[in-house]
Amino acid sequence: MTGVNLTKTYDLPASVEDAYAVITDEDFQRDRVGAVGHGSTAAVSRSGETAVVRIEIQQPTDGAPAPVRSVVGDHLTVIDERQWGEATADGAREADLRVHTVGAPINLTGSAALRPTTAGCQLVIDGDLRCTIPLIGRSLEGQIAGAIGQVVDEEAAALARRLGE
């Protein structure tokens, strides 16, 4: 069974190196998720030229369909983890991307990449979203992908603002 593909590309006004420095900056990530909701956290761990960015977002399920609320309850915990690798010969960076919800069968797996361009770099998010809630999972995948897409849009906008400062 395949899920819904989520692909987003953003042009950024900075080099891959500068964008990577911001994306892997714990203060940037904490500021970004702090605006999302109470109880949200961000942590960055480094090992040489690689880094793991782990974000945990707590969100109420007020606007979610009743079948989703019956599975996840009043709040949803979403964990976004990106394992960034070393720079390639052209300076690009790629991360394994895994997003999952605690207590619900909703998962996104894929990649995040920073690729050099003539005007700066691009952030590319590409993943496959699957929701296996019995009977309704497939029908919800598009809505969930849209919600995750909005979060990614907000992240890219915050990143572009920080890079433009």
N, C-alpha and C. Protein backbone atom coordinates (compact mmCIF):
# COMPACT_ATOMS: atom_id res chain seq x y z
N MET A 1 0.85 -1.18 0.00
CA MET A 1 0.00 0.00 0.00
C MET A 1 0.90 1.24 0.00
N THR A 2 0.62 2.15 -0.90
CA THR A 2 1.37 3.40 -0.93
C THR A 2 0.56 4.50 -0.27
N GLY A 3 1.26 5.51 0.17
CA GLY A 3 0.61 6.64 0.81
C GLY A 3 0.51 7.81 -0.13
N VAL A 4 0.51 8.99 0.44
CA VAL A 4 0.45 10.24 -0.31
C VAL A 4 1.85 10.84 -0.34
N ASN A 5 2.31 11.23 -1.53
CA ASN A 5 3.62 11.85 -1.64
C ASN A 5 3.52 13.32 -1.28
N LEU A 6 4.48 13.78 -0.49
CA LEU A 6 4.59 15.20 -0.13
C LEU A 6 5.95 15.68 -0.61
N THR A 7 5.94 16.58 -1.58
CA THR A 7 7.19 17.16 -2.09
C THR A 7 7.06 18.67 -2.08
N LYS A 8 8.04 19.32 -1.47
CA LYS A 8 8.06 20.78 -1.38
C LYS A 8 9.47 21.26 -1.70
N THR A 9 9.57 22.35 -2.46
CA THR A 9 10.86 22.95 -2.81
C THR A 9 10.80 24.44 -2.51
N TYR A 10 11.83 24.94 -1.84
CA TYR A 10 11.89 26.35 -1.45
C TYR A 10 13.24 26.92 -1.85
N ASP A 11 13.23 28.09 -2.48
CA ASP A 11 14.46 28.80 -2.79
C ASP A 11 14.85 29.65 -1.58
N LEU A 12 16.11 29.56 -1.19
CA LEU A 12 16.60 30.29 -0.03
C LEU A 12 17.72 31.24 -0.44
N PRO A 13 17.78 32.42 0.20
CA PRO A 13 18.75 33.45 -0.18
C PRO A 13 20.11 33.30 0.50
N ALA A 14 20.63 32.08 0.57
CA ALA A 14 21.91 31.86 1.25
C ALA A 14 22.53 30.57 0.76
N SER A 15 23.78 30.39 1.10
CA SER A 15 24.49 29.17 0.72
C SER A 15 23.96 27.97 1.51
N VAL A 16 24.26 26.78 1.02
CA VAL A 16 23.91 25.57 1.75
C VAL A 16 24.54 25.61 3.15
N GLU A 17 25.79 26.01 3.23
CA GLU A 17 26.49 26.06 4.51
C GLU A 17 25.77 26.96 5.51
N ASP A 18 25.33 28.14 5.06
CA ASP A 18 24.62 29.06 5.95
C ASP A 18 23.25 28.51 6.34
N ALA A 19 22.52 27.94 5.37
CA ALA A 19 21.20 27.37 5.66
C ALA A 19 21.33 26.20 6.62
N TYR A 20 22.33 25.36 6.41
CA TYR A 20 22.56 24.21 7.29
C TYR A 20 22.88 24.69 8.71
N ALA A 21 23.66 25.74 8.83
CA ALA A 21 24.00 26.27 10.15
C ALA A 21 22.75 26.71 10.90
N VAL A 22 21.80 27.32 10.19
CA VAL A 22 20.56 27.77 10.84
C VAL A 22 19.66 26.57 11.15
N ILE A 23 19.47 25.67 10.19
CA ILE A 23 18.60 24.51 10.40
C ILE A 23 19.06 23.68 11.58
N THR A 24 20.36 23.61 11.78
CA THR A 24 20.89 22.79 12.88
C THR A 24 21.22 23.62 14.12
N ASP A 25 20.69 24.83 14.18
CA ASP A 25 20.86 25.69 15.35
C ASP A 25 19.70 25.43 16.32
N GLU A 26 20.02 24.96 17.50
CA GLU A 26 18.99 24.59 18.46
C GLU A 26 18.12 25.77 18.86
N ASP A 27 18.69 26.96 18.99
CA ASP A 27 17.89 28.15 19.34
C ASP A 27 16.88 28.46 18.25
N PHE A 28 17.29 28.37 16.98
CA PHE A 28 16.36 28.60 15.87
C PHE A 28 15.20 27.60 15.95
N GLN A 29 15.52 26.34 16.14
CA GLN A 29 14.47 25.31 16.18
C GLN A 29 13.56 25.50 17.39
N ARG A 30 14.13 25.86 18.53
CA ARG A 30 13.30 26.09 19.72
C ARG A 30 12.36 27.28 19.52
N ASP A 31 12.88 28.36 18.94
CA ASP A 31 12.03 29.53 18.66
C ASP A 31 10.90 29.15 17.72
N ARG A 32 11.23 28.39 16.70
CA ARG A 32 10.24 28.00 15.69
C ARG A 32 9.14 27.14 16.29
N VAL A 33 9.50 26.12 17.06
CA VAL A 33 8.47 25.24 17.60
C VAL A 33 7.78 25.84 18.82
N GLY A 34 8.45 26.77 19.49
CA GLY A 34 7.83 27.43 20.63
C GLY A 34 6.58 28.19 20.23
N ALA A 35 6.56 28.68 18.99
CA ALA A 35 5.40 29.41 18.49
C ALA A 35 4.25 28.47 18.15
N VAL A 36 4.54 27.18 18.00
CA VAL A 36 3.52 26.21 17.59
C VAL A 36 2.62 25.83 18.74
N GLY A 37 3.20 25.55 19.89
CA GLY A 37 2.34 25.14 20.98
C GLY A 37 3.07 24.83 22.26
N HIS A 38 2.33 24.86 23.35
CA HIS A 38 2.85 24.56 24.68
C HIS A 38 3.31 23.10 24.71
N GLY A 39 4.48 22.88 25.30
CA GLY A 39 4.99 21.53 25.41
C GLY A 39 5.81 21.09 24.22
N SER A 40 5.95 21.93 23.21
CA SER A 40 6.76 21.59 22.04
C SER A 40 8.23 21.79 22.38
N THR A 41 9.09 20.90 21.88
CA THR A 41 10.51 20.96 22.18
C THR A 41 11.34 20.74 20.93
N ALA A 42 12.60 21.16 20.99
CA ALA A 42 13.54 20.94 19.90
C ALA A 42 14.91 20.65 20.50
N ALA A 43 15.62 19.72 19.87
CA ALA A 43 16.97 19.39 20.32
C ALA A 43 17.82 19.08 19.10
N VAL A 44 19.08 19.48 19.16
CA VAL A 44 20.03 19.20 18.09
C VAL A 44 21.23 18.51 18.71
N SER A 45 21.62 17.39 18.12
CA SER A 45 22.85 16.72 18.57
C SER A 45 23.79 16.62 17.37
N ARG A 46 25.06 16.87 17.63
CA ARG A 46 26.07 16.88 16.56
C ARG A 46 27.10 15.78 16.79
N SER A 47 27.61 15.29 15.67
CA SER A 47 28.71 14.33 15.70
C SER A 47 29.56 14.63 14.47
N GLY A 48 30.66 15.32 14.69
CA GLY A 48 31.51 15.71 13.56
C GLY A 48 30.76 16.64 12.63
N GLU A 49 30.67 16.27 11.37
CA GLU A 49 30.00 17.10 10.36
C GLU A 49 28.53 16.74 10.17
N THR A 50 28.00 15.86 11.01
CA THR A 50 26.60 15.45 10.90
C THR A 50 25.82 15.98 12.09
N ALA A 51 24.50 16.00 11.94
CA ALA A 51 23.64 16.47 13.04
C ALA A 51 22.29 15.79 12.96
N VAL A 52 21.67 15.65 14.12
CA VAL A 52 20.31 15.15 14.21
C VAL A 52 19.46 16.25 14.83
N VAL A 53 18.40 16.64 14.13
CA VAL A 53 17.45 17.63 14.62
C VAL A 53 16.18 16.87 14.99
N ARG A 54 15.77 16.98 16.25
CA ARG A 54 14.57 16.27 16.72
C ARG A 54 13.61 17.29 17.30
N ILE A 55 12.42 17.31 16.73
CA ILE A 55 11.39 18.26 17.15
C ILE A 55 10.18 17.47 17.62
N GLU A 56 9.63 17.88 18.74
CA GLU A 56 8.40 17.27 19.24
C GLU A 56 7.37 18.38 19.39
N ILE A 57 6.26 18.22 18.71
CA ILE A 57 5.21 19.24 18.71
C ILE A 57 3.95 18.65 19.34
N GLN A 58 3.39 19.38 20.30
CA GLN A 58 2.13 19.01 20.94
C GLN A 58 1.04 19.89 20.34
N GLN A 59 0.00 19.26 19.81
CA GLN A 59 -1.09 20.03 19.23
C GLN A 59 -2.43 19.48 19.68
N PRO A 60 -3.38 20.39 19.97
CA PRO A 60 -4.72 19.92 20.29
C PRO A 60 -5.38 19.37 19.02
N THR A 61 -6.33 18.47 19.19
CA THR A 61 -7.02 17.86 18.04
C THR A 61 -8.42 18.44 17.86
N ASP A 62 -8.63 19.66 18.35
CA ASP A 62 -9.96 20.29 18.29
C ASP A 62 -10.60 20.21 16.91
N GLY A 63 -9.87 20.56 15.86
CA GLY A 63 -10.44 20.61 14.52
C GLY A 63 -10.35 19.32 13.74
N ALA A 64 -9.81 18.28 14.35
CA ALA A 64 -9.64 17.01 13.64
C ALA A 64 -10.97 16.27 13.55
N PRO A 65 -11.13 15.44 12.51
CA PRO A 65 -12.35 14.64 12.39
C PRO A 65 -12.52 13.73 13.62
N ALA A 66 -13.76 13.45 13.97
CA ALA A 66 -14.07 12.64 15.16
C ALA A 66 -13.35 11.29 15.16
N PRO A 67 -13.26 10.57 14.03
CA PRO A 67 -12.55 9.29 14.07
C PRO A 67 -11.07 9.44 14.45
N VAL A 68 -10.46 10.54 14.06
CA VAL A 68 -9.06 10.78 14.42
C VAL A 68 -8.97 11.04 15.92
N ARG A 69 -9.85 11.90 16.43
CA ARG A 69 -9.85 12.19 17.87
C ARG A 69 -10.08 10.93 18.69
N SER A 70 -10.91 10.01 18.17
CA SER A 70 -11.16 8.78 18.92
C SER A 70 -9.91 7.92 19.01
N VAL A 71 -9.00 8.04 18.05
CA VAL A 71 -7.75 7.27 18.07
C VAL A 71 -6.67 7.97 18.88
N VAL A 72 -6.52 9.30 18.69
CA VAL A 72 -5.38 10.01 19.30
C VAL A 72 -5.73 10.79 20.56
N GLY A 73 -7.00 11.04 20.82
CA GLY A 73 -7.38 11.78 22.02
C GLY A 73 -7.43 13.28 21.79
N ASP A 74 -7.31 14.05 22.89
CA ASP A 74 -7.43 15.50 22.85
C ASP A 74 -6.21 16.21 22.29
N HIS A 75 -5.05 15.54 22.36
CA HIS A 75 -3.81 16.14 21.88
C HIS A 75 -3.06 15.13 21.02
N LEU A 76 -2.31 15.67 20.11
CA LEU A 76 -1.50 14.86 19.20
C LEU A 76 -0.04 15.25 19.41
N THR A 77 0.81 14.26 19.56
CA THR A 77 2.24 14.51 19.67
C THR A 77 2.89 14.06 18.37
N VAL A 78 3.54 15.00 17.69
CA VAL A 78 4.20 14.72 16.42
C VAL A 78 5.71 14.85 16.64
N ILE A 79 6.46 13.84 16.23
CA ILE A 79 7.91 13.86 16.35
C ILE A 79 8.51 13.89 14.95
N ASP A 80 9.33 14.90 14.70
CA ASP A 80 10.01 15.11 13.41
C ASP A 80 11.50 14.96 13.68
N GLU A 81 12.11 13.97 13.04
CA GLU A 81 13.54 13.74 13.23
C GLU A 81 14.24 13.73 11.88
N ARG A 82 15.30 14.53 11.79
CA ARG A 82 16.09 14.62 10.56
C ARG A 82 17.54 14.34 10.89
N GLN A 83 18.10 13.34 10.22
CA GLN A 83 19.50 12.97 10.42
C GLN A 83 20.29 13.48 9.24
N TRP A 84 20.97 14.61 9.45
CA TRP A 84 21.72 15.28 8.39
C TRP A 84 23.10 14.64 8.22
N GLY A 85 23.44 14.35 6.98
CA GLY A 85 24.74 13.77 6.66
C GLY A 85 25.76 14.84 6.35
N GLU A 86 26.96 14.39 6.03
CA GLU A 86 28.05 15.29 5.67
C GLU A 86 27.78 15.94 4.32
N ALA A 87 28.43 17.06 4.08
CA ALA A 87 28.31 17.75 2.80
C ALA A 87 28.92 16.89 1.70
N THR A 88 28.30 16.92 0.52
CA THR A 88 28.84 16.22 -0.64
C THR A 88 29.87 17.11 -1.32
N ALA A 89 30.47 16.62 -2.39
CA ALA A 89 31.52 17.37 -3.09
C ALA A 89 31.04 18.74 -3.56
N ASP A 90 29.76 18.85 -3.96
CA ASP A 90 29.25 20.14 -4.42
C ASP A 90 28.68 20.99 -3.29
N GLY A 91 28.79 20.50 -2.05
CA GLY A 91 28.32 21.27 -0.89
C GLY A 91 26.92 20.93 -0.44
N ALA A 92 26.20 20.09 -1.18
CA ALA A 92 24.82 19.74 -0.82
C ALA A 92 24.80 18.94 0.48
N ARG A 93 23.66 18.97 1.13
CA ARG A 93 23.43 18.19 2.35
C ARG A 93 22.12 17.44 2.20
N GLU A 94 22.07 16.24 2.75
CA GLU A 94 20.83 15.47 2.73
C GLU A 94 20.59 14.86 4.10
N ALA A 95 19.30 14.75 4.44
CA ALA A 95 18.91 14.17 5.72
C ALA A 95 17.86 13.09 5.50
N ASP A 96 17.95 12.04 6.31
CA ASP A 96 16.85 11.09 6.39
C ASP A 96 15.78 11.77 7.23
N LEU A 97 14.54 11.74 6.75
CA LEU A 97 13.42 12.42 7.39
C LEU A 97 12.42 11.38 7.87
N ARG A 98 12.06 11.48 9.14
CA ARG A 98 11.04 10.60 9.70
C ARG A 98 10.14 11.45 10.60
N VAL A 99 8.85 11.41 10.29
CA VAL A 99 7.85 12.10 11.10
C VAL A 99 6.83 11.05 11.52
N HIS A 100 6.54 10.99 12.81
CA HIS A 100 5.51 10.06 13.25
C HIS A 100 4.72 10.67 14.40
N THR A 101 3.55 10.13 14.60
CA THR A 101 2.71 10.57 15.70
C THR A 101 2.76 9.51 16.80
N VAL A 102 2.75 9.97 18.02
CA VAL A 102 2.76 9.06 19.16
C VAL A 102 1.34 8.55 19.38
N GLY A 103 1.18 7.25 19.40
CA GLY A 103 -0.12 6.66 19.68
C GLY A 103 -1.08 6.60 18.51
N ALA A 104 -0.62 6.94 17.32
CA ALA A 104 -1.48 6.86 16.13
C ALA A 104 -0.64 6.38 14.95
N PRO A 105 -1.23 5.59 14.07
CA PRO A 105 -0.47 5.05 12.94
C PRO A 105 -0.36 6.04 11.78
N ILE A 106 0.33 7.14 12.03
CA ILE A 106 0.54 8.17 11.01
C ILE A 106 2.04 8.39 10.91
N ASN A 107 2.61 8.17 9.72
CA ASN A 107 4.06 8.26 9.53
C ASN A 107 4.40 8.89 8.19
N LEU A 108 5.48 9.66 8.19
CA LEU A 108 6.04 10.22 6.96
C LEU A 108 7.51 9.83 6.95
N THR A 109 7.95 9.21 5.86
CA THR A 109 9.36 8.88 5.71
C THR A 109 9.84 9.44 4.38
N GLY A 110 11.06 9.93 4.38
CA GLY A 110 11.60 10.50 3.15
C GLY A 110 12.92 11.17 3.39
N SER A 111 13.09 12.32 2.74
CA SER A 111 14.37 13.03 2.84
C SER A 111 14.14 14.54 2.86
N ALA A 112 15.13 15.21 3.42
CA ALA A 112 15.22 16.67 3.35
C ALA A 112 16.59 16.93 2.73
N ALA A 113 16.67 17.94 1.88
CA ALA A 113 17.95 18.23 1.23
C ALA A 113 18.15 19.72 1.11
N LEU A 114 19.40 20.13 1.19
CA LEU A 114 19.82 21.49 0.87
C LEU A 114 20.73 21.37 -0.33
N ARG A 115 20.34 22.01 -1.44
CA ARG A 115 21.10 21.89 -2.68
C ARG A 115 21.52 23.27 -3.16
N PRO A 116 22.79 23.41 -3.57
CA PRO A 116 23.26 24.72 -4.04
C PRO A 116 22.60 25.12 -5.35
N THR A 117 22.33 26.42 -5.48
CA THR A 117 21.83 27.00 -6.73
C THR A 117 22.69 28.23 -7.03
N THR A 118 22.49 28.82 -8.20
CA THR A 118 23.28 30.01 -8.54
C THR A 118 22.93 31.20 -7.65
N ALA A 119 21.69 31.22 -7.12
CA ALA A 119 21.25 32.35 -6.29
C ALA A 119 21.30 32.06 -4.79
N GLY A 120 21.75 30.88 -4.40
CA GLY A 120 21.77 30.51 -2.98
C GLY A 120 21.66 29.01 -2.84
N CYS A 121 20.50 28.57 -2.35
CA CYS A 121 20.27 27.12 -2.26
C CYS A 121 18.78 26.84 -2.23
N GLN A 122 18.45 25.57 -2.35
CA GLN A 122 17.07 25.12 -2.24
C GLN A 122 16.95 24.15 -1.08
N LEU A 123 15.83 24.26 -0.37
CA LEU A 123 15.44 23.26 0.61
C LEU A 123 14.39 22.40 -0.08
N VAL A 124 14.63 21.09 -0.12
CA VAL A 124 13.70 20.16 -0.76
C VAL A 124 13.27 19.12 0.27
N ILE A 125 11.96 19.00 0.45
CA ILE A 125 11.39 17.99 1.33
C ILE A 125 10.63 17.01 0.44
N ASP A 126 10.91 15.73 0.59
CA ASP A 126 10.24 14.71 -0.22
C ASP A 126 9.95 13.51 0.66
N GLY A 127 8.68 13.16 0.79
CA GLY A 127 8.35 12.04 1.66
C GLY A 127 7.06 11.36 1.26
N ASP A 128 6.85 10.20 1.85
CA ASP A 128 5.66 9.40 1.64
C ASP A 128 4.91 9.32 2.96
N LEU A 129 3.67 9.83 2.97
CA LEU A 129 2.85 9.84 4.17
C LEU A 129 1.90 8.65 4.14
N ARG A 130 1.82 7.96 5.27
CA ARG A 130 0.88 6.85 5.40
C ARG A 130 0.10 6.99 6.70
N CYS A 131 -1.19 6.79 6.58
CA CYS A 131 -2.08 6.79 7.74
C CYS A 131 -2.85 5.48 7.70
N THR A 132 -2.62 4.64 8.68
CA THR A 132 -3.25 3.32 8.66
C THR A 132 -4.31 3.16 9.75
N ILE A 133 -5.02 4.25 10.05
CA ILE A 133 -6.15 4.15 10.96
C ILE A 133 -7.19 3.29 10.24
N PRO A 134 -7.66 2.22 10.87
CA PRO A 134 -8.60 1.32 10.19
C PRO A 134 -9.81 2.06 9.61
N LEU A 135 -10.16 1.69 8.41
CA LEU A 135 -11.32 2.16 7.65
C LEU A 135 -11.19 3.57 7.10
N ILE A 136 -10.53 4.48 7.78
CA ILE A 136 -10.52 5.88 7.34
C ILE A 136 -9.14 6.42 6.99
N GLY A 137 -8.10 5.64 7.25
CA GLY A 137 -6.73 6.13 7.08
C GLY A 137 -6.46 6.71 5.70
N ARG A 138 -6.78 5.95 4.66
CA ARG A 138 -6.50 6.41 3.29
C ARG A 138 -7.23 7.71 2.99
N SER A 139 -8.45 7.84 3.47
CA SER A 139 -9.22 9.06 3.17
C SER A 139 -8.67 10.28 3.89
N LEU A 140 -7.92 10.06 4.97
CA LEU A 140 -7.36 11.18 5.73
C LEU A 140 -5.97 11.59 5.28
N GLU A 141 -5.29 10.75 4.50
CA GLU A 141 -3.90 11.02 4.14
C GLU A 141 -3.71 12.37 3.47
N GLY A 142 -4.60 12.75 2.56
CA GLY A 142 -4.49 14.04 1.88
C GLY A 142 -4.59 15.21 2.85
N GLN A 143 -5.53 15.13 3.79
CA GLN A 143 -5.69 16.19 4.79
C GLN A 143 -4.46 16.29 5.69
N ILE A 144 -3.95 15.15 6.09
CA ILE A 144 -2.77 15.13 6.97
C ILE A 144 -1.56 15.66 6.22
N ALA A 145 -1.40 15.25 4.96
CA ALA A 145 -0.29 15.76 4.15
C ALA A 145 -0.39 17.28 4.00
N GLY A 146 -1.61 17.80 3.84
CA GLY A 146 -1.80 19.25 3.76
C GLY A 146 -1.38 19.95 5.03
N ALA A 147 -1.72 19.37 6.18
CA ALA A 147 -1.34 19.96 7.47
C ALA A 147 0.17 19.93 7.66
N ILE A 148 0.80 18.81 7.31
CA ILE A 148 2.26 18.73 7.42
C ILE A 148 2.91 19.70 6.44
N GLY A 149 2.33 19.83 5.25
CA GLY A 149 2.84 20.79 4.26
C GLY A 149 2.82 22.21 4.79
N GLN A 150 1.78 22.58 5.54
CA GLN A 150 1.71 23.92 6.13
C GLN A 150 2.82 24.13 7.15
N VAL A 151 3.11 23.11 7.95
CA VAL A 151 4.19 23.22 8.94
C VAL A 151 5.53 23.39 8.22
N VAL A 152 5.73 22.64 7.14
CA VAL A 152 6.97 22.76 6.37
C VAL A 152 7.06 24.15 5.73
N ASP A 153 5.93 24.67 5.21
CA ASP A 153 5.92 26.02 4.65
C ASP A 153 6.34 27.05 5.70
N GLU A 154 5.82 26.90 6.92
CA GLU A 154 6.16 27.83 8.00
C GLU A 154 7.64 27.72 8.37
N GLU A 155 8.16 26.49 8.38
CA GLU A 155 9.58 26.30 8.67
C GLU A 155 10.44 26.98 7.61
N ALA A 156 10.10 26.79 6.33
CA ALA A 156 10.87 27.40 5.25
C ALA A 156 10.80 28.92 5.31
N ALA A 157 9.64 29.47 5.65
CA ALA A 157 9.50 30.93 5.78
C ALA A 157 10.36 31.45 6.93
N ALA A 158 10.35 30.75 8.07
CA ALA A 158 11.18 31.17 9.21
C ALA A 158 12.66 31.08 8.86
N LEU A 159 13.03 30.04 8.13
CA LEU A 159 14.42 29.87 7.71
C LEU A 159 14.83 31.00 6.76
N ALA A 160 13.98 31.32 5.79
CA ALA A 160 14.28 32.41 4.85
C ALA A 160 14.41 33.75 5.58
N ARG A 161 13.52 33.99 6.56
CA ARG A 161 13.61 35.23 7.35
C ARG A 161 14.94 35.30 8.10
N ARG A 162 15.30 34.21 8.75
CA ARG A 162 16.54 34.20 9.53
C ARG A 162 17.75 34.38 8.62
N LEU A 163 17.73 33.76 7.46
CA LEU A 163 18.85 33.89 6.52
C LEU A 163 18.94 35.29 5.94
N GLY A 164 17.80 35.99 5.87
CA GLY A 164 17.77 37.34 5.32
C GLY A 164 18.17 38.41 6.31
N GLU A 165 18.32 38.05 7.58
CA GLU A 165 18.66 39.04 8.62
C GLU A 165 20.09 39.51 8.49
